[in-house]
Amino acid sequence: MPQIKQAIKRVKTQEASRQRNISQKSDMRTTVKKFRAAAAAGADNAQDLYKEATRALDMAASKHLIHKNKAGRDKSRLAALLNK
């Protein structure tokens, strides 16, 4: 544990950021998994879930949780899955 006050505060804020990032990334993955499951089952709400999944990927990319190229690649793959 750091001794300097500023370093102690930095450790606390980093932990808070880490927890927030984990939570947001987990939510994004869950949304994508829901769409993939619906697309595989041929569910009626696949279009709505696709919209939610692409939004989640865009939000994650804008918050730098994932790289923007990964978001684009994943969105492209989801669109291909939707159109199959």
Protein backbone atom coordinates (compact mmCIF):
# COMPACT_ATOMS: atom_id res chain seq x y z
CA MET A 1 0.00 0.00 0.00
CA PRO A 2 1.35 3.45 -0.86
CA GLN A 3 2.38 5.90 1.85
CA ILE A 4 1.78 9.17 0.01
CA LYS A 5 -1.74 10.59 0.24
CA GLN A 6 -2.07 11.21 -3.49
CA ALA A 7 -0.97 7.66 -4.29
CA ILE A 8 -3.47 6.25 -1.77
CA LYS A 9 -6.28 8.22 -3.42
CA ARG A 10 -5.14 7.04 -6.85
CA VAL A 11 -5.33 3.39 -5.75
CA LYS A 12 -8.90 3.95 -4.54
CA THR A 13 -10.02 5.64 -7.75
CA GLN A 14 -8.35 2.98 -9.89
CA GLU A 15 -10.22 0.26 -8.02
CA ALA A 16 -13.52 2.10 -8.47
CA SER A 17 -12.82 2.49 -12.19
CA ARG A 18 -11.84 -1.16 -12.50
CA GLN A 19 -15.08 -2.31 -10.89
CA ARG A 20 -17.15 0.00 -13.10
CA ASN A 21 -15.34 -1.18 -16.23
CA ILE A 22 -15.84 -4.84 -15.32
CA SER A 23 -19.55 -4.26 -14.78
CA GLN A 24 -20.05 -2.39 -18.05
CA LYS A 25 -18.05 -4.93 -20.03
CA SER A 26 -20.04 -7.76 -18.48
CA ASP A 27 -23.33 -6.06 -19.41
CA MET A 28 -22.10 -5.65 -22.99
CA ARG A 29 -21.14 -9.32 -23.24
CA THR A 30 -24.50 -10.39 -21.80
CA THR A 31 -26.37 -8.28 -24.36
CA VAL A 32 -24.38 -9.78 -27.22
CA LYS A 33 -24.94 -13.31 -25.89
CA LYS A 34 -28.69 -12.71 -25.68
CA PHE A 35 -28.74 -11.67 -29.33
CA ARG A 36 -26.65 -14.64 -30.43
CA ALA A 37 -28.96 -17.04 -28.59
CA ALA A 38 -32.05 -15.41 -30.13
CA ALA A 39 -30.54 -15.46 -33.61
CA ALA A 40 -29.64 -19.14 -33.27
CA ALA A 41 -33.16 -19.97 -32.09
CA GLY A 42 -34.77 -17.83 -34.80
CA ALA A 43 -36.64 -15.71 -32.25
CA ASP A 44 -39.00 -12.96 -33.30
CA ASN A 45 -37.24 -10.30 -31.23
CA ALA A 46 -33.83 -10.85 -32.82
CA GLN A 47 -33.99 -7.47 -34.58
CA ASP A 48 -34.57 -5.63 -31.29
CA LEU A 49 -31.82 -7.57 -29.56
CA TYR A 50 -29.49 -6.79 -32.47
CA LYS A 51 -30.17 -3.09 -31.98
CA GLU A 52 -29.40 -3.38 -28.25
CA ALA A 53 -26.22 -5.36 -28.91
CA THR A 54 -24.86 -2.86 -31.44
CA ARG A 55 -25.68 -0.02 -29.06
CA ALA A 56 -23.86 -1.80 -26.24
CA LEU A 57 -20.81 -2.32 -28.46
CA ASP A 58 -20.81 1.34 -29.51
CA MET A 59 -21.09 2.49 -25.90
CA ALA A 60 -18.24 0.21 -24.84
CA ALA A 61 -16.07 1.55 -27.65
CA SER A 62 -16.88 5.16 -26.79
CA LYS A 63 -15.90 4.52 -23.16
CA HIS A 64 -12.67 2.81 -24.29
CA LEU A 65 -13.65 -0.51 -22.75
CA ILE A 66 -12.97 -2.15 -26.10
CA HIS A 67 -11.14 -0.91 -29.19
CA LYS A 68 -13.27 0.77 -31.85
CA ASN A 69 -12.09 -1.74 -34.46
CA LYS A 70 -13.23 -4.62 -32.26
CA ALA A 71 -16.62 -2.98 -31.91
CA GLY A 72 -16.89 -2.62 -35.68
CA ARG A 73 -15.79 -6.20 -36.27
CA ASP A 74 -18.26 -7.56 -33.74
CA LYS A 75 -21.11 -5.47 -35.15
CA SER A 76 -20.33 -6.74 -38.62
CA ARG A 77 -20.40 -10.34 -37.43
CA LEU A 78 -23.69 -9.78 -35.62
CA ALA A 79 -25.21 -8.22 -38.74
CA ALA A 80 -24.10 -11.22 -40.79
CA LEU A 81 -25.67 -13.52 -38.21
CA LEU A 82 -28.92 -11.53 -38.31
CA ASN A 83 -29.11 -11.65 -42.12
CA LYS A 84 -28.42 -15.38 -42.29
